[in-house]
PDB file of N, CA and C in Angstrom:
ATOM      1  N   MET A   1       0.913  -1.179   0.001  1.00  0.00           N
ATOM      2  CA  MET A   1      -0.088  -0.113  -0.018  1.00  0.00           C
ATOM      3  C   MET A   1       0.810   1.156   0.252  1.00  0.00           C
ATOM      4  N   GLU A   2       0.302   2.085  -0.861  1.00  0.00           N
ATOM      5  CA  GLU A   2       1.074   3.517  -0.970  1.00  0.00           C
ATOM      6  C   GLU A   2       0.408   4.704  -0.354  1.00  0.00           C
ATOM      7  N   ILE A   3       0.832   5.497   0.275  1.00  0.00           N
ATOM      8  CA  ILE A   3       0.230   7.115   0.380  1.00  0.00           C
ATOM      9  C   ILE A   3       1.152   8.246   0.367  1.00  0.00           C
ATOM     10  N   ILE A   4       0.634   8.906  -0.417  1.00  0.00           N
ATOM     11  CA  ILE A   4       1.439  10.149  -0.885  1.00  0.00           C
ATOM     12  C   ILE A   4       1.016  11.591  -0.599  1.00  0.00           C
ATOM     13  N   LYS A   5       1.943  12.068   0.168  1.00  0.00           N
ATOM     14  CA  LYS A   5       1.881  13.264   0.690  1.00  0.00           C
ATOM     15  C   LYS A   5       2.897  14.079   0.181  1.00  0.00           C
ATOM     16  N   ASP A   6       2.303  15.239  -0.013  1.00  0.00           N
ATOM     17  CA  ASP A   6       3.277  16.406  -0.872  1.00  0.00           C
ATOM     18  C   ASP A   6       4.172  15.895  -1.902  1.00  0.00           C
ATOM     19  N   GLY A   7       4.016  15.012  -2.568  1.00  0.00           N
ATOM     20  CA  GLY A   7       5.017  14.292  -3.463  1.00  0.00           C
ATOM     21  C   GLY A   7       5.726  13.300  -2.825  1.00  0.00           C
ATOM     22  N   ILE A   8       5.649  12.682  -1.714  1.00  0.00           N
ATOM     23  CA  ILE A   8       6.633  11.835  -1.274  1.00  0.00           C
ATOM     24  C   ILE A   8       5.613  10.605  -1.113  1.00  0.00           C
ATOM     25  N   ILE A   9       6.283   9.631  -1.436  1.00  0.00           N
ATOM     26  CA  ILE A   9       5.719   8.337  -1.675  1.00  0.00           C
ATOM     27  C   ILE A   9       5.918   7.106  -0.329  1.00  0.00           C
ATOM     28  N   TYR A  10       4.804   7.018   0.539  1.00  0.00           N
ATOM     29  CA  TYR A  10       5.235   6.519   1.994  1.00  0.00           C
ATOM     30  C   TYR A  10       4.513   5.059   1.524  1.00  0.00           C
ATOM     31  N   ARG A  11       5.455   3.826   1.464  1.00  0.00           N
ATOM     32  CA  ARG A  11       4.878   2.515   1.427  1.00  0.00           C
ATOM     33  C   ARG A  11       4.826   1.770   2.607  1.00  0.00           C
ATOM     34  N   LEU A  12       3.798   1.491   2.721  1.00  0.00           N
ATOM     35  CA  LEU A  12       3.413   0.591   3.893  1.00  0.00           C
ATOM     36  C   LEU A  12       3.475  -0.965   3.589  1.00  0.00           C
ATOM     37  N   ASP A  13       4.313  -1.599   4.482  1.00  0.00           N
ATOM     38  CA  ASP A  13       4.205  -3.013   4.287  1.00  0.00           C
ATOM     39  C   ASP A  13       3.685  -3.662   5.245  1.00  0.00           C
ATOM     40  N   LEU A  14       2.804  -4.560   5.088  1.00  0.00           N
ATOM     41  CA  LEU A  14       1.991  -5.079   6.099  1.00  0.00           C
ATOM     42  C   LEU A  14       3.194  -6.270   6.722  1.00  0.00           C
ATOM     43  N   THR A  15       3.084  -6.283   8.096  1.00  0.00           N
ATOM     44  CA  THR A  15       4.056  -7.368   8.513  1.00  0.00           C
ATOM     45  C   THR A  15       3.370  -8.419   9.469  1.00  0.00           C
ATOM     46  N   GLY A  16       2.244  -7.803  10.075  1.00  0.00           N
ATOM     47  CA  GLY A  16       1.193  -8.590  10.725  1.00  0.00           C
ATOM     48  C   GLY A  16      -0.256  -8.536  10.422  1.00  0.00           C
ATOM     49  N   MET A  17      -1.167  -9.534  10.111  1.00  0.00           N
ATOM     50  CA  MET A  17      -2.164  -9.240   9.646  1.00  0.00           C
ATOM     51  C   MET A  17      -3.346  -9.039  10.854  1.00  0.00           C
ATOM     52  N   ALA A  18      -3.056  -9.666  11.911  1.00  0.00           N
ATOM     53  CA  ALA A  18      -4.187  -9.522  13.193  1.00  0.00           C
ATOM     54  C   ALA A  18      -3.259 -10.108  14.237  1.00  0.00           C
ATOM     55  N   CYS A  19      -3.515  -9.069  15.402  1.00  0.00           N
ATOM     56  CA  CYS A  19      -2.876  -9.715  16.866  1.00  0.00           C
ATOM     57  C   CYS A  19      -1.474  -9.722  16.982  1.00  0.00           C
ATOM     58  N   PRO A  20      -0.437  -8.640  16.602  1.00  0.00           N
ATOM     59  CA  PRO A  20      -1.390  -7.382  15.857  1.00  0.00           C
ATOM     60  C   PRO A  20      -1.019  -7.089  14.782  1.00  0.00           C
ATOM     61  N   GLU A  21      -2.141  -6.088  14.295  1.00  0.00           N
ATOM     62  CA  GLU A  21      -1.860  -5.951  12.732  1.00  0.00           C
ATOM     63  C   GLU A  21      -0.918  -4.356  13.071  1.00  0.00           C
ATOM     64  N   GLN A  22       0.116  -5.026  12.066  1.00  0.00           N
ATOM     65  CA  GLN A  22       1.222  -3.615  12.025  1.00  0.00           C
ATOM     66  C   GLN A  22       2.033  -3.892  10.518  1.00  0.00           C
ATOM     67  N   TYR A  23       2.435  -2.241  10.483  1.00  0.00           N
ATOM     68  CA  TYR A  23       3.197  -2.072   8.955  1.00  0.00           C
ATOM     69  C   TYR A  23       4.243  -1.540   9.706  1.00  0.00           C
ATOM     70  N   ASP A  24       5.241  -1.858   8.768  1.00  0.00           N
ATOM     71  CA  ASP A  24       6.553  -1.048   8.504  1.00  0.00           C
ATOM     72  C   ASP A  24       6.563   0.007   7.494  1.00  0.00           C
ATOM     73  N   VAL A  25       6.835   1.432   7.750  1.00  0.00           N
ATOM     74  CA  VAL A  25       6.510   2.348   6.930  1.00  0.00           C
ATOM     75  C   VAL A  25       8.108   2.930   6.022  1.00  0.00           C
ATOM     76  N   TYR A  26       8.186   2.945   4.752  1.00  0.00           N
ATOM     77  CA  TYR A  26       9.097   3.250   4.084  1.00  0.00           C
ATOM     78  C   TYR A  26       9.259   4.637   3.298  1.00  0.00           C
ATOM     79  N   VAL A  27      10.060   5.368   2.894  1.00  0.00           N
ATOM     80  CA  VAL A  27      10.411   6.289   1.996  1.00  0.00           C
ATOM     81  C   VAL A  27      11.844   5.767   1.290  1.00  0.00           C
ATOM     82  N   GLY A  28      11.592   5.410  -0.252  1.00  0.00           N
ATOM     83  CA  GLY A  28      12.581   4.425  -0.697  1.00  0.00           C
ATOM     84  C   GLY A  28      12.839   3.475  -0.130  1.00  0.00           C
ATOM     85  N   GLU A  29      14.200   3.176   0.528  1.00  0.00           N
ATOM     86  CA  GLU A  29      14.944   2.191   1.015  1.00  0.00           C
ATOM     87  C   GLU A  29      14.859   2.614   2.749  1.00  0.00           C
ATOM     88  N   GLU A  30      14.770   3.673   2.990  1.00  0.00           N
ATOM     89  CA  GLU A  30      14.847   4.226   4.157  1.00  0.00           C
ATOM     90  C   GLU A  30      13.616   3.855   5.171  1.00  0.00           C
ATOM     91  N   GLN A  31      13.355   3.314   6.231  1.00  0.00           N
ATOM     92  CA  GLN A  31      12.401   3.274   7.256  1.00  0.00           C
ATOM     93  C   GLN A  31      12.435   4.280   8.132  1.00  0.00           C
ATOM     94  N   VAL A  32      10.614   4.496   8.234  1.00  0.00           N
ATOM     95  CA  VAL A  32      10.539   6.181   8.659  1.00  0.00           C
ATOM     96  C   VAL A  32       9.278   5.835   9.600  1.00  0.00           C
ATOM     97  N   GLY A  33       8.670   4.564   9.761  1.00  0.00           N
ATOM     98  CA  GLY A  33       7.642   4.331  10.971  1.00  0.00           C
ATOM     99  C   GLY A  33       7.661   2.795  11.267  1.00  0.00           C
ATOM    100  N   TYR A  34       7.078   2.553  12.201  1.00  0.00           N
ATOM    101  CA  TYR A  34       6.317   1.453  12.688  1.00  0.00           C
ATOM    102  C   TYR A  34       4.885   1.509  13.332  1.00  0.00           C
ATOM    103  N   LEU A  35       4.111   0.717  12.694  1.00  0.00           N
ATOM    104  CA  LEU A  35       2.670   1.043  12.969  1.00  0.00           C
ATOM    105  C   LEU A  35       2.186  -0.226  13.651  1.00  0.00           C
ATOM    106  N   ARG A  36       1.478  -0.127  14.785  1.00  0.00           N
ATOM    107  CA  ARG A  36       1.043  -1.304  15.599  1.00  0.00           C
ATOM    108  C   ARG A  36      -0.400  -1.089  16.308  1.00  0.00           C
ATOM    109  N   LEU A  37      -1.527  -2.155  15.763  1.00  0.00           N
ATOM    110  CA  LEU A  37      -2.676  -2.129  16.355  1.00  0.00           C
ATOM    111  C   LEU A  37      -2.743  -3.453  17.551  1.00  0.00           C
ATOM    112  N   ARG A  38      -2.661  -3.075  18.940  1.00  0.00           N
ATOM    113  CA  ARG A  38      -2.527  -4.123  19.382  1.00  0.00           C
ATOM    114  C   ARG A  38      -3.439  -3.957  20.768  1.00  0.00           C
ATOM    115  N   HIS A  39      -4.447  -4.925  21.364  1.00  0.00           N
ATOM    116  CA  HIS A  39      -5.156  -4.480  22.453  1.00  0.00           C
ATOM    117  C   HIS A  39      -5.984  -3.295  22.433  1.00  0.00           C
ATOM    118  N   GLY A  40      -6.487  -2.869  21.260  1.00  0.00           N
ATOM    119  CA  GLY A  40      -7.331  -1.948  21.021  1.00  0.00           C
ATOM    120  C   GLY A  40      -6.582  -0.537  21.169  1.00  0.00           C
ATOM    121  N   CYS A  41      -5.367  -0.826  21.057  1.00  0.00           N
ATOM    122  CA  CYS A  41      -4.695   0.562  20.767  1.00  0.00           C
ATOM    123  C   CYS A  41      -3.676   0.602  19.904  1.00  0.00           C
ATOM    124  N   PHE A  42      -3.824   1.677  18.995  1.00  0.00           N
ATOM    125  CA  PHE A  42      -2.852   2.139  17.612  1.00  0.00           C
ATOM    126  C   PHE A  42      -1.884   2.816  17.758  1.00  0.00           C
ATOM    127  N   THR A  43      -0.758   2.700  17.641  1.00  0.00           N
ATOM    128  CA  THR A  43       0.804   3.546  18.091  1.00  0.00           C
ATOM    129  C   THR A  43       1.615   3.202  16.822  1.00  0.00           C
ATOM    130  N   VAL A  44       2.297   4.798  16.817  1.00  0.00           N
ATOM    131  CA  VAL A  44       3.226   5.118  15.775  1.00  0.00           C
ATOM    132  C   VAL A  44       4.430   5.260  16.197  1.00  0.00           C
ATOM    133  N   ASP A  45       5.519   4.675  15.606  1.00  0.00           N
ATOM    134  CA  ASP A  45       6.751   5.066  16.128  1.00  0.00           C
ATOM    135  C   ASP A  45       7.354   5.477  15.051  1.00  0.00           C
ATOM    136  N   TYR A  46       8.195   6.422  15.372  1.00  0.00           N
ATOM    137  CA  TYR A  46       9.366   6.904  14.271  1.00  0.00           C
ATOM    138  C   TYR A  46      10.552   7.104  14.735  1.00  0.00           C
ATOM    139  N   PRO A  47      11.425   6.779  13.935  1.00  0.00           N
ATOM    140  CA  PRO A  47      11.554   5.991  12.574  1.00  0.00           C
ATOM    141  C   PRO A  47      11.010   4.559  12.581  1.00  0.00           C
ATOM    142  N   ASP A  48      11.285   4.198  13.845  1.00  0.00           N
ATOM    143  CA  ASP A  48      11.073   2.343  13.780  1.00  0.00           C
ATOM    144  C   ASP A  48      10.423   2.238  15.023  1.00  0.00           C
ATOM    145  N   TYR A  49      10.444   0.615  15.365  1.00  0.00           N
ATOM    146  CA  TYR A  49       9.976   0.266  16.638  1.00  0.00           C
ATOM    147  C   TYR A  49      10.893   0.807  17.866  1.00  0.00           C
ATOM    148  N   GLY A  50      10.194   0.948  18.673  1.00  0.00           N
ATOM    149  CA  GLY A  50      11.042   1.800  19.841  1.00  0.00           C
ATOM    150  C   GLY A  50      11.418   3.186  19.531  1.00  0.00           C
ATOM    151  N   GLY A  51      10.990   3.805  18.795  1.00  0.00           N
ATOM    152  CA  GLY A  51      11.305   5.158  18.694  1.00  0.00           C
ATOM    153  C   GLY A  51      10.166   6.224  18.943  1.00  0.00           C
ATOM    154  N   GLU A  52      10.412   7.449  18.641  1.00  0.00           N
ATOM    155  CA  GLU A  52       9.350   8.531  19.265  1.00  0.00           C
ATOM    156  C   GLU A  52       8.124   7.952  18.781  1.00  0.00           C
ATOM    157  N   CYS A  53       7.236   8.009  19.867  1.00  0.00           N
ATOM    158  CA  CYS A  53       5.775   7.603  19.196  1.00  0.00           C
ATOM    159  C   CYS A  53       5.041   9.371  18.975  1.00  0.00           C
ATOM    160  N   VAL A  54       4.627   9.255  17.680  1.00  0.00           N
ATOM    161  CA  VAL A  54       4.355  10.697  17.191  1.00  0.00           C
ATOM    162  C   VAL A  54       2.731  10.486  17.121  1.00  0.00           C
ATOM    163  N   TYR A  55       2.159   9.400  17.339  1.00  0.00           N
ATOM    164  CA  TYR A  55       0.465   9.207  17.099  1.00  0.00           C
ATOM    165  C   TYR A  55       0.103   8.033  17.875  1.00  0.00           C
ATOM    166  N   ASP A  56      -0.916   8.174  18.670  1.00  0.00           N
ATOM    167  CA  ASP A  56      -1.295   7.017  18.900  1.00  0.00           C
ATOM    168  C   ASP A  56      -3.279   7.106  19.149  1.00  0.00           C
ATOM    169  N   SER A  57      -3.804   6.212  19.202  1.00  0.00           N
ATOM    170  CA  SER A  57      -5.342   6.200  19.293  1.00  0.00           C
ATOM    171  C   SER A  57      -5.897   4.914  19.962  1.00  0.00           C
ATOM    172  N   THR A  58      -7.294   5.175  20.626  1.00  0.00           N
ATOM    173  CA  THR A  58      -7.761   3.843  21.466  1.00  0.00           C
ATOM    174  C   THR A  58      -9.267   4.233  20.696  1.00  0.00           C
ATOM    175  N   ALA A  59      -9.270   5.230  19.944  1.00  0.00           N
ATOM    176  CA  ALA A  59     -10.288   5.209  19.304  1.00  0.00           C
ATOM    177  C   ALA A  59     -10.828   4.522  18.193  1.00  0.00           C
ATOM    178  N   LEU A  60     -11.149   3.156  18.392  1.00  0.00           N
ATOM    179  CA  LEU A  60     -11.118   2.287  17.224  1.00  0.00           C
ATOM    180  C   LEU A  60     -11.859   1.191  17.969  1.00  0.00           C
ATOM    181  N   ASP A  61     -12.732   0.532  16.957  1.00  0.00           N
ATOM    182  CA  ASP A  61     -13.539  -0.761  17.409  1.00  0.00           C
ATOM    183  C   ASP A  61     -12.793  -1.890  17.095  1.00  0.00           C
ATOM    184  N   GLY A  62     -11.598  -2.055  16.232  1.00  0.00           N
ATOM    185  CA  GLY A  62     -10.616  -3.414  16.321  1.00  0.00           C
ATOM    186  C   GLY A  62      -9.968  -3.675  17.719  1.00  0.00           C
ATOM    187  N   ASP A  63      -9.777  -4.711  18.003  1.00  0.00           N
ATOM    188  CA  ASP A  63      -8.803  -4.834  18.777  1.00  0.00           C
ATOM    189  C   ASP A  63      -7.101  -5.576  18.526  1.00  0.00           C
ATOM    190  N   GLY A  64      -7.018  -6.340  17.939  1.00  0.00           N
ATOM    191  CA  GLY A  64      -5.922  -6.620  17.234  1.00  0.00           C
ATOM    192  C   GLY A  64      -5.799  -6.522  15.639  1.00  0.00           C
ATOM    193  N   SER A  65      -6.823  -5.893  15.192  1.00  0.00           N
ATOM    194  CA  SER A  65      -6.821  -5.352  13.656  1.00  0.00           C
ATOM    195  C   SER A  65      -8.072  -4.461  13.928  1.00  0.00           C
ATOM    196  N   PHE A  66      -7.856  -3.884  12.439  1.00  0.00           N
ATOM    197  CA  PHE A  66      -9.006  -2.973  12.106  1.00  0.00           C
ATOM    198  C   PHE A  66     -10.161  -3.369  12.066  1.00  0.00           C
ATOM    199  N   SER A  67     -11.250  -2.923  12.582  1.00  0.00           N
ATOM    200  CA  SER A  67     -12.678  -3.530  12.280  1.00  0.00           C
ATOM    201  C   SER A  67     -12.955  -3.275  10.527  1.00  0.00           C
ATOM    202  N   ASP A  68     -12.638  -2.386   9.960  1.00  0.00           N
ATOM    203  CA  ASP A  68     -13.135  -2.362   8.521  1.00  0.00           C
ATOM    204  C   ASP A  68     -11.973  -1.639   7.721  1.00  0.00           C
ATOM    205  N   ASP A  69     -12.108  -1.348   6.415  1.00  0.00           N
ATOM    206  CA  ASP A  69     -11.578  -0.428   5.858  1.00  0.00           C
ATOM    207  C   ASP A  69     -11.383   1.021   6.064  1.00  0.00           C
ATOM    208  N   ILE A  70     -12.715   1.498   6.434  1.00  0.00           N
ATOM    209  CA  ILE A  70     -12.906   2.610   6.700  1.00  0.00           C
ATOM    210  C   ILE A  70     -11.938   3.241   7.900  1.00  0.00           C
ATOM    211  N   GLU A  71     -12.093   2.440   8.563  1.00  0.00           N
ATOM    212  CA  GLU A  71     -11.381   2.407  10.191  1.00  0.00           C
ATOM    213  C   GLU A  71      -9.889   2.595  10.069  1.00  0.00           C
ATOM    214  N   ARG A  72      -9.383   1.134   8.982  1.00  0.00           N
ATOM    215  CA  ARG A  72      -8.263   1.245   9.066  1.00  0.00           C
ATOM    216  C   ARG A  72      -7.591   2.660   7.774  1.00  0.00           C
ATOM    217  N   ASN A  73      -8.307   2.974   6.684  1.00  0.00           N
ATOM    218  CA  ASN A  73      -7.778   3.809   6.094  1.00  0.00           C
ATOM    219  C   ASN A  73      -7.355   5.097   6.960  1.00  0.00           C
ATOM    220  N   MET A  74      -8.534   5.599   7.809  1.00  0.00           N
ATOM    221  CA  MET A  74      -8.605   6.886   8.507  1.00  0.00           C
ATOM    222  C   MET A  74      -7.444   6.620   9.419  1.00  0.00           C
ATOM    223  N   HIS A  75      -7.448   5.483  10.401  1.00  0.00           N
ATOM    224  CA  HIS A  75      -5.705   5.734  11.079  1.00  0.00           C
ATOM    225  C   HIS A  75      -4.616   5.513  10.447  1.00  0.00           C
ATOM    226  N   LEU A  76      -4.656   4.678   9.426  1.00  0.00           N
ATOM    227  CA  LEU A  76      -3.149   4.843   8.325  1.00  0.00           C
ATOM    228  C   LEU A  76      -3.204   6.268   7.894  1.00  0.00           C
ATOM    229  N   ASP A  77      -3.908   6.980   7.470  1.00  0.00           N
ATOM    230  CA  ASP A  77      -3.788   8.450   6.997  1.00  0.00           C
ATOM    231  C   ASP A  77      -3.284   9.400   8.290  1.00  0.00           C
ATOM    232  N   ASN A  78      -4.294   9.026   9.086  1.00  0.00           N
ATOM    233  CA  ASN A  78      -3.364   9.789  10.630  1.00  0.00           C
ATOM    234  C   ASN A  78      -1.995   9.528  10.752  1.00  0.00           C
ATOM    235  N   ALA A  79      -1.472   8.187  10.511  1.00  0.00           N
ATOM    236  CA  ALA A  79      -0.579   7.743  10.837  1.00  0.00           C
ATOM    237  C   ALA A  79       0.792   8.374   9.903  1.00  0.00           C
ATOM    238  N   ILE A  80       0.465   8.107   8.764  1.00  0.00           N
ATOM    239  CA  ILE A  80       1.250   8.994   7.725  1.00  0.00           C
ATOM    240  C   ILE A  80       1.243  10.444   7.992  1.00  0.00           C
ATOM    241  N   ASN A  81       0.177  11.125   8.138  1.00  0.00           N
ATOM    242  CA  ASN A  81       0.475  12.450   8.500  1.00  0.00           C
ATOM    243  C   ASN A  81       1.248  12.903   9.625  1.00  0.00           C
ATOM    244  N   ALA A  82       1.114  12.193  10.341  1.00  0.00           N
ATOM    245  CA  ALA A  82       2.189  12.275  11.784  1.00  0.00           C
ATOM    246  C   ALA A  82       3.670  11.895  11.547  1.00  0.00           C
ATOM    247  N   ILE A  83       3.735  10.972  10.763  1.00  0.00           N
ATOM    248  CA  ILE A  83       5.424  10.510  10.035  1.00  0.00           C
ATOM    249  C   ILE A  83       5.806  12.014   9.390  1.00  0.00           C
ATOM    250  N   HIS A  84       4.817  12.288   8.421  1.00  0.00           N
ATOM    251  CA  HIS A  84       5.462  13.168   7.342  1.00  0.00           C
ATOM    252  C   HIS A  84       5.928  14.366   7.984  1.00  0.00           C
ATOM    253  N   LYS A  85       4.760  14.866   9.164  1.00  0.00           N
ATOM    254  CA  LYS A  85       5.276  15.978   9.815  1.00  0.00           C
ATOM    255  C   LYS A  85       6.481  15.887  10.755  1.00  0.00           C
ATOM    256  N   LYS A  86       6.640  14.829  11.338  1.00  0.00           N
ATOM    257  CA  LYS A  86       7.787  14.494  12.078  1.00  0.00           C
ATOM    258  C   LYS A  86       9.077  14.799  11.197  1.00  0.00           C
ATOM    259  N   ARG A  87       9.049  14.023  10.163  1.00  0.00           N
ATOM    260  CA  ARG A  87       9.960  14.123   8.994  1.00  0.00           C
ATOM    261  C   ARG A  87      10.226  15.456   8.819  1.00  0.00           C
ATOM    262  N   SER A  88       9.224  15.989   8.563  1.00  0.00           N
ATOM    263  CA  SER A  88       9.599  17.666   7.629  1.00  0.00           C
ATOM    264  C   SER A  88      10.333  18.659   8.665  1.00  0.00           C
ATOM    265  N   GLU A  89       9.997  18.264  10.017  1.00  0.00           N
ATOM    266  CA  GLU A  89      10.614  18.902  11.354  1.00  0.00           C
ATOM    267  C   GLU A  89      12.351  18.569  11.226  1.00  0.00           C
ATOM    268  N   SER A  90      12.946  17.221  10.882  1.00  0.00           N
ATOM    269  CA  SER A  90      13.945  17.043  11.009  1.00  0.00           C
ATOM    270  C   SER A  90      15.000  17.059   9.456  1.00  0.00           C
ATOM    271  N   VAL A  91      14.407  17.495   8.409  1.00  0.00           N
ATOM    272  CA  VAL A  91      14.719  17.464   7.158  1.00  0.00           C
ATOM    273  C   VAL A  91      16.005  18.500   7.099  1.00  0.00           C
ATOM    274  N   ASP A  92      17.131  18.587   7.121  1.00  0.00           N
ATOM    275  CA  ASP A  92      18.008  19.633   6.906  1.00  0.00           C
ATOM    276  C   ASP A  92      17.798  20.337   5.710  1.00  0.00           C
ATOM    277  N   ILE A  93      17.818  21.757   5.804  1.00  0.00           N
ATOM    278  CA  ILE A  93      17.882  22.437   4.357  1.00  0.00           C
ATOM    279  C   ILE A  93      19.349  22.629   3.982  1.00  0.00           C
ATOM    280  N   ILE A  94      19.492  22.110   2.598  1.00  0.00           N
ATOM    281  CA  ILE A  94      20.925  22.446   1.874  1.00  0.00           C
ATOM    282  C   ILE A  94      20.572  22.977   0.944  1.00  0.00           C
ATOM    283  N   GLY A  95      21.613  24.285   1.016  1.00  0.00           N
ATOM    284  CA  GLY A  95      21.556  25.435  -0.286  1.00  0.00           C
ATOM    285  C   GLY A  95      22.851  25.938  -0.379  1.00  0.00           C
ATOM    286  N   ASP A  96      22.988  27.045  -1.157  1.00  0.00           N
ATOM    287  CA  ASP A  96      24.111  27.535  -1.023  1.00  0.00           C
ATOM    288  C   ASP A  96      24.320  28.880  -0.597  1.00  0.00           C
ATOM    289  N   TYR A  97      25.113  29.156   0.369  1.00  0.00           N
ATOM    290  CA  TYR A  97      24.991  30.063   1.329  1.00  0.00           C
ATOM    291  C   TYR A  97      26.346  31.126   0.841  1.00  0.00           C
ATOM    292  N   PRO A  98      25.843  32.400   0.975  1.00  0.00           N
ATOM    293  CA  PRO A  98      27.082  33.326   0.387  1.00  0.00           C
ATOM    294  C   PRO A  98      28.176  33.432   1.259  1.00  0.00           C
TER     295      PRO A  98
END
């Protein structure tokens, strides 16, 4: 699955279908996120497992997996928004200086 934000392609690789449902997130070959839904809590770590939690939610019907595609798409989009925001804060600006 891919989600595009501001021209950046975020690739979500499903690594666990249920109990927990989880994804690794990449931009190119660089891992930029770890998403996990377990025991009714969805968490998003940046840039990978054990990193900074940039999004979490318990406002869902699923326990070890999302209850349906509507719930899944909403939370995955929120996750990518949080990762995208965090990445934009940490990207160095490179340019010519006088």
